[in-house]
């Protein structure tokens, strides 16, 4: 009835000459557990609803360490009994971790919309370690892999699943194009300022925002910049034209469009266009447990 209940019991033990000391299993808790099965189920439900360990701990009257113990047991238990069916479409992505240039890499089941595993770093070795969490049979069934244009991820994927198609999703492509436009703007702004020209001063957001959301004043300012003939204006036009690629239904037509687009960008000498957060966690291990707990779609409950 949700009243705090403390169970004290002397659990019988057997000293086996072959296997050492063994403790008898009790029906109210799992081996090594500090809470009853019923309470662990309740705690998991609270954590899934709260999505915040500190908040959940306060609601249940537990310490951070006690809640962390429940989280770890839940994930370890779930991973030990997880059976991965055929995985035909998967993704590899990165997320920033801590502050600075620290990253983690994630392997995801795109059809099941779940995280399969997490490793530290975003190197080729890290990506290969993710692939090694799958069996050879599972890797052989992968038909396509969605990744960004990070070369270590592509190299690892080609090494581990050479028969799979590499797919660069719209989100990452758009991100690269926006960053490329900003790089062109920064370089050109530096050159103009050196000559005493402040044309691009304060214009960063104009090149990144959707013109449909501009105020009348912003629209007028951007129209003048767009028609200025500057390199950043050509880069922005190239970025805006690129999404037409997604509208083609046939590969041949899409390839012809991309060839024409790439030729235009190359002739424009816009090099950046040609180039291809999780705070507060002191430990990668803690971060991995949280990701798998909340995003792994695991069977977390004790039996």
Protein backbone atom coordinates (compact mmCIF):
# COMPACT_ATOMS: atom_id res chain seq x y z
CA UNK A 1 0.00 0.00 0.00
CA UNK A 2 3.03 2.28 -0.68
CA UNK A 3 4.05 2.51 2.98
CA UNK A 4 7.79 2.27 3.55
CA UNK A 5 8.52 -1.30 4.55
CA UNK A 6 11.93 -2.63 5.60
CA UNK A 7 12.49 -6.38 5.40
CA UNK A 8 15.23 -7.91 7.57
CA UNK A 9 16.00 -11.55 6.98
CA UNK A 10 18.91 -13.91 7.53
CA UNK A 11 19.25 -15.58 4.16
CA UNK A 12 20.55 -19.17 4.40
CA UNK A 13 23.95 -19.78 2.79
CA UNK A 14 25.71 -22.93 1.67
CA UNK A 15 29.47 -23.34 1.64
CA UNK A 16 30.06 -25.53 -1.41
CA UNK A 17 33.56 -27.08 -1.66
CA UNK A 18 33.42 -26.70 -5.46
CA UNK A 19 31.63 -23.38 -6.08
CA UNK A 20 32.22 -21.60 -2.78
CA UNK A 21 29.58 -19.82 -0.71
CA UNK A 22 26.14 -19.68 -2.30
CA UNK A 23 23.17 -17.72 -0.98
CA UNK A 24 19.66 -19.04 -1.36
CA UNK A 25 17.37 -17.01 -3.62
CA UNK A 26 14.45 -15.22 -1.95
CA UNK A 27 11.14 -14.65 -3.67
CA UNK A 28 10.83 -10.94 -2.88
CA UNK A 29 14.13 -9.68 -4.34
CA UNK A 30 16.63 -10.50 -7.05
CA UNK A 31 20.17 -11.68 -6.20
CA UNK A 32 22.30 -8.74 -5.12
CA UNK A 33 19.32 -6.42 -4.98
CA UNK A 34 18.88 -3.87 -2.22
CA UNK A 35 15.15 -3.48 -2.85
CA UNK A 36 12.21 -5.76 -3.35
CA UNK A 37 11.13 -6.67 -6.87
CA UNK A 38 7.89 -4.74 -6.34
CA UNK A 39 9.73 -1.59 -5.25
CA UNK A 40 12.20 -1.83 -8.16
CA UNK A 41 9.27 -1.97 -10.58
CA UNK A 42 7.73 1.06 -8.89
CA UNK A 43 11.07 2.94 -8.97
CA UNK A 44 11.52 2.23 -12.69
CA UNK A 45 8.06 3.63 -13.40
CA UNK A 46 8.85 6.78 -11.40
CA UNK A 47 12.17 7.25 -13.21
CA UNK A 48 10.58 6.82 -16.63
CA UNK A 49 7.96 9.42 -15.78
CA UNK A 50 10.27 11.88 -14.02
CA UNK A 51 13.13 11.70 -16.54
CA UNK A 52 15.29 13.27 -13.84
CA UNK A 53 17.23 11.18 -11.34
CA UNK A 54 17.38 13.87 -8.65
CA UNK A 55 13.65 14.53 -8.90
CA UNK A 56 12.81 10.82 -8.82
CA UNK A 57 15.07 10.28 -5.81
CA UNK A 58 13.26 13.06 -3.93
CA UNK A 59 9.84 11.62 -4.76
CA UNK A 60 10.84 8.18 -3.48
CA UNK A 61 12.90 9.31 -0.50
CA UNK A 62 16.06 7.66 -1.82
CA UNK A 63 19.64 8.83 -2.17
CA UNK A 64 21.26 9.44 -5.56
CA UNK A 65 23.40 6.30 -5.09
CA UNK A 66 20.34 4.15 -4.34
CA UNK A 67 18.58 5.35 -7.49
CA UNK A 68 21.76 4.85 -9.51
CA UNK A 69 21.90 1.27 -8.22
CA UNK A 70 18.36 0.63 -9.47
CA UNK A 71 19.17 2.20 -12.88
CA UNK A 72 22.27 0.08 -13.38
CA UNK A 73 20.60 -3.15 -12.36
CA UNK A 74 17.68 -2.43 -14.68
CA UNK A 75 19.91 -1.80 -17.72
CA UNK A 76 22.25 -4.72 -17.03
CA UNK A 77 19.28 -7.04 -16.52
CA UNK A 78 17.61 -5.84 -19.71
CA UNK A 79 20.73 -6.12 -21.86
CA UNK A 80 21.42 -9.65 -20.63
CA UNK A 81 18.04 -10.86 -21.90
CA UNK A 82 17.64 -8.61 -24.95
CA UNK A 83 17.19 -10.50 -28.18
CA UNK A 84 17.80 -8.41 -31.26
CA UNK A 85 15.73 -9.48 -34.21
CA UNK A 86 16.79 -8.67 -37.77
CA UNK A 87 18.24 -5.18 -37.99
CA UNK A 88 17.98 -3.94 -41.56
CA UNK A 89 18.31 -0.17 -41.09
CA UNK A 90 20.59 1.26 -38.41
CA UNK A 91 22.27 4.58 -37.70
CA UNK A 92 25.50 5.81 -36.14
CA UNK A 93 25.52 9.27 -34.63
CA UNK A 94 27.49 11.37 -32.20
CA UNK A 95 26.61 13.59 -29.25
CA UNK A 96 28.73 16.03 -27.30
CA UNK A 97 29.61 14.88 -23.81
CA UNK A 98 30.78 17.05 -20.91
CA UNK A 99 32.24 20.35 -22.13
CA UNK A 100 34.73 20.98 -24.90
CA UNK A 101 35.46 18.45 -27.61
CA UNK A 102 34.31 15.29 -25.83
CA UNK A 103 31.93 13.01 -27.70
CA UNK A 104 30.07 9.73 -27.52
CA UNK A 105 28.94 7.56 -30.42
CA UNK A 106 25.58 5.78 -30.57
CA UNK A 107 24.30 2.84 -32.58
CA UNK A 108 20.55 3.04 -33.18
CA UNK A 109 17.85 0.80 -34.60
CA UNK A 110 16.07 3.20 -36.97
CA UNK A 111 12.98 1.06 -37.46
CA UNK A 112 12.62 0.29 -33.77
CA UNK A 113 13.52 3.88 -32.84
CA UNK A 114 15.81 2.81 -30.01
CA UNK A 115 19.44 3.11 -28.96
CA UNK A 116 21.30 -0.19 -29.17
CA UNK A 117 24.55 0.82 -27.48
CA UNK A 118 26.86 3.71 -26.66
CA UNK A 119 30.66 4.05 -26.64
CA UNK A 120 33.00 6.88 -25.71
CA UNK A 121 34.63 8.92 -28.48
CA UNK A 122 33.84 9.40 -32.16
CA UNK A 123 36.87 7.69 -33.71
CA UNK A 124 36.92 4.84 -36.19
CA UNK A 125 37.81 2.52 -33.32
CA UNK A 126 34.75 3.72 -31.38
CA UNK A 127 32.47 3.09 -34.36
CA UNK A 128 33.98 -0.36 -34.90
CA UNK A 129 33.37 -1.15 -31.22
CA UNK A 130 29.70 -0.29 -31.77
CA UNK A 131 29.49 -2.65 -34.73
CA UNK A 132 31.14 -5.38 -32.64
CA UNK A 133 28.19 -5.30 -30.24
CA UNK A 134 26.25 -7.02 -33.03
CA UNK A 135 26.89 -10.58 -34.14
CA UNK A 136 28.29 -11.34 -37.59
CA UNK A 137 24.87 -12.68 -38.60
CA UNK A 138 23.18 -9.45 -37.53
CA UNK A 139 25.73 -7.29 -39.34
CA UNK A 140 25.23 -9.34 -42.50
CA UNK A 141 21.51 -8.49 -42.47
CA UNK A 142 22.05 -4.70 -42.31
CA UNK A 143 20.88 -3.18 -45.60
CA UNK A 144 21.52 0.55 -45.00
CA UNK A 145 23.31 2.72 -42.46
CA UNK A 146 22.42 6.37 -41.80
CA UNK A 147 25.49 8.36 -40.76
CA UNK A 148 26.78 11.88 -41.07
CA UNK A 149 29.73 12.66 -43.33
CA UNK A 150 32.30 11.96 -40.62
CA UNK A 151 35.03 9.92 -42.33
CA UNK A 152 35.91 7.66 -39.34
CA UNK A 153 32.26 6.53 -39.15
CA UNK A 154 32.18 5.82 -42.88
CA UNK A 155 35.47 3.89 -42.75
CA UNK A 156 34.30 1.77 -39.81
CA UNK A 157 30.98 1.03 -41.49
CA UNK A 158 32.60 0.02 -44.77
CA UNK A 159 34.98 -2.26 -42.85
CA UNK A 160 32.33 -3.94 -40.69
CA UNK A 161 29.28 -3.99 -43.02
CA UNK A 162 30.75 -3.65 -46.53
CA UNK A 163 27.53 -4.73 -48.27
CA UNK A 164 25.36 -2.07 -46.60
CA UNK A 165 24.43 1.18 -48.32
CA UNK A 166 25.66 4.42 -46.73
CA UNK A 167 22.93 7.03 -46.33
CA UNK A 168 23.47 10.65 -45.28
CA UNK A 169 20.24 11.91 -43.75
CA UNK A 170 18.69 15.30 -44.51
CA UNK A 171 19.34 16.65 -41.02
CA UNK A 172 23.10 16.16 -41.21
CA UNK A 173 23.33 17.37 -44.81
CA UNK A 174 21.41 20.54 -43.90
CA UNK A 175 23.66 21.07 -40.90
CA UNK A 176 26.78 20.81 -43.05
CA UNK A 177 25.37 23.25 -45.60
CA UNK A 178 24.44 25.81 -42.92
CA UNK A 179 27.89 25.54 -41.38
CA UNK A 180 29.48 25.93 -44.82
CA UNK A 181 27.51 29.12 -45.49
CA UNK A 182 28.62 30.50 -42.13
CA UNK A 183 32.26 29.67 -42.88
CA UNK A 184 32.04 31.52 -46.19
CA UNK A 185 30.46 34.51 -44.41
CA UNK A 186 33.12 34.62 -41.70
CA UNK A 187 36.01 34.49 -44.19
CA UNK A 188 34.46 37.11 -46.46
CA UNK A 189 33.52 39.38 -43.56
CA UNK A 190 37.14 39.30 -42.37
CA UNK A 191 38.37 40.33 -45.81
CA UNK A 192 35.79 43.13 -46.11
CA UNK A 193 36.52 44.51 -42.64
CA UNK A 194 40.22 44.62 -43.46
CA UNK A 195 39.28 46.95 -46.32
CA UNK A 196 36.98 49.02 -44.09
CA UNK A 197 33.78 47.53 -45.55
CA UNK A 198 31.10 46.65 -42.94
CA UNK A 199 28.56 45.20 -45.40
CA UNK A 200 28.34 41.85 -43.60
CA UNK A 201 28.54 43.17 -40.04
CA UNK A 202 25.73 41.73 -37.90
CA UNK A 203 24.32 39.60 -40.74
CA UNK A 204 25.07 36.12 -39.38
CA UNK A 205 21.52 35.22 -38.38
CA UNK A 206 20.08 36.46 -41.67
CA UNK A 207 21.95 33.75 -43.58
CA UNK A 208 20.86 31.00 -41.19
CA UNK A 209 17.21 31.84 -40.56
CA UNK A 210 14.26 31.02 -42.79
CA UNK A 211 13.41 34.17 -44.81
CA UNK A 212 9.72 33.33 -44.37
CA UNK A 213 10.09 34.31 -40.71
CA UNK A 214 11.79 37.66 -41.32
CA UNK A 215 10.33 40.96 -40.20
CA UNK A 216 9.82 43.61 -42.88
CA UNK A 217 13.08 45.29 -41.87
CA UNK A 218 15.02 42.02 -41.91
CA UNK A 219 13.55 41.07 -45.30
CA UNK A 220 14.67 44.38 -46.82
CA UNK A 221 18.19 44.02 -45.39
CA UNK A 222 18.50 40.45 -46.55
CA UNK A 223 17.22 41.22 -50.06
CA UNK A 224 20.01 43.74 -50.50
CA UNK A 225 22.64 41.27 -49.27
CA UNK A 226 21.22 38.41 -51.34
CA UNK A 227 21.52 40.46 -54.54
CA UNK A 228 24.96 41.84 -53.69
CA UNK A 229 27.02 39.28 -55.62
CA UNK A 230 29.06 38.43 -52.51
CA UNK A 231 30.44 34.92 -52.04
CA UNK A 232 28.18 34.30 -49.05
CA UNK A 233 25.16 35.17 -51.22
CA UNK A 234 26.21 32.51 -53.75
CA UNK A 235 26.82 30.02 -50.93
CA UNK A 236 23.36 30.73 -49.50
CA UNK A 237 21.77 30.27 -52.96
CA UNK A 238 23.55 26.93 -53.35
CA UNK A 239 22.30 25.81 -49.94
CA UNK A 240 18.73 26.81 -50.78
CA UNK A 241 18.84 24.97 -54.11
CA UNK A 242 20.22 21.72 -52.72
CA UNK A 243 16.95 20.43 -51.09
CA UNK A 244 15.56 19.94 -54.60
CA UNK A 245 17.65 16.73 -54.56
CA UNK A 246 15.16 15.15 -52.14
CA UNK A 247 12.26 15.66 -54.55
CA UNK A 248 13.56 13.31 -57.27
CA UNK A 249 11.98 9.89 -57.39
CA UNK A 250 14.55 8.26 -59.67
CA UNK A 251 18.24 7.83 -59.01
CA UNK A 252 19.34 8.92 -62.51
CA UNK A 253 17.58 12.28 -62.27
CA UNK A 254 18.91 12.86 -58.76
CA UNK A 255 22.47 12.10 -59.88
CA UNK A 256 22.19 14.54 -62.81
CA UNK A 257 20.93 17.27 -60.51
CA UNK A 258 23.70 16.69 -57.99
CA UNK A 259 26.36 16.72 -60.73
CA UNK A 260 25.06 20.07 -62.01
CA UNK A 261 24.81 21.49 -58.47
CA UNK A 262 28.30 20.33 -57.56
CA UNK A 263 29.71 21.77 -60.79
CA UNK A 264 28.16 25.15 -60.04
CA UNK A 265 29.52 25.17 -56.49
CA UNK A 266 32.97 24.12 -57.70
CA UNK A 267 33.08 26.89 -60.29
CA UNK A 268 31.98 29.38 -57.63
CA UNK A 269 35.07 28.41 -55.58
CA UNK A 270 33.07 28.04 -52.39
CA UNK A 271 35.38 25.58 -50.62
CA UNK A 272 33.41 25.17 -47.35
CA UNK A 273 30.41 23.92 -49.36
CA UNK A 274 32.55 21.27 -51.03
CA UNK A 275 33.93 19.93 -47.76
CA UNK A 276 32.19 17.26 -46.59
CA UNK A 277 24.63 18.09 -25.52
CA UNK A 278 24.69 16.43 -22.69
CA UNK A 279 26.04 18.37 -19.71
CA UNK A 280 26.49 17.47 -16.09
CA UNK A 281 27.71 13.88 -16.39
CA UNK A 282 31.16 13.39 -14.89
CA UNK A 283 31.29 9.74 -15.92
CA UNK A 284 30.74 8.27 -19.38
CA UNK A 285 29.47 5.09 -17.72
CA UNK A 286 26.70 7.04 -15.94
CA UNK A 287 25.78 8.74 -19.22
CA UNK A 288 25.62 5.42 -21.09
CA UNK A 289 23.36 3.88 -18.44
CA UNK A 290 20.96 6.85 -18.65
CA UNK A 291 20.80 6.74 -22.46
CA UNK A 292 20.06 3.01 -22.54
CA UNK A 293 17.56 3.30 -19.68
CA UNK A 294 15.52 6.08 -21.28
CA UNK A 295 16.15 5.49 -25.01
CA UNK A 296 16.90 1.79 -25.38
CA UNK A 297 13.29 0.55 -25.22
CA UNK A 298 14.55 -2.22 -22.96
CA UNK A 299 12.59 -4.62 -20.78
CA UNK A 300 13.85 -3.07 -17.54
CA UNK A 301 11.62 -4.73 -14.97
CA UNK A 302 12.62 -7.57 -12.66
CA UNK A 303 10.84 -10.83 -13.33
